[in-house]
């Protein structure tokens, strides 16, 4: 497995680089930080200690012809949809409301973009995340089966959706 790690890191790096460089007006990578020992300044770079505690991404995705061929019921509603991904909080800062605040901020931004729904995926065995999304009002839209889940018992992906009133 050690020889695979550099390739995985390179793939992740390239993916992030492409997302950040994208010209999309509807992409955000949001970072939650704890900043300590601040001298009064507007420049965050002058702080003495900064700890990254959480991240999340939101973007607008399009349903391409390949997606429509899957004929999933949720894919027939609109051509573009707001999608949340990669919500993560450092283990030392969990259960402090960081994930809920990141989620709320994303929902606010999506409404500002003119969307009234937000979609996300979660693995069926990620009970902590499922509880967070359930409390936030997300509902199961679809259970996605893969070869891994069918043949090897890997967890299925659950597509969740939250509808907002404008």
Foldseek 3Di string as FASTA:
>chain_A
DVVCVVVVVVVVVVVVVCLVPDPAPFKDKDWDKDFPQDDDDPDSVPTDDIDTFWIKMKGKDFQDPVNVVVVQPVCVPDGIAMEIDDTDGPPVCPPVCPSVVVVVVSCVVCVVVVHFKYKYKDFPPPVVVVVSCVVVAKDFRDWDDDCCCVPPVGTIITMIMHGHDD
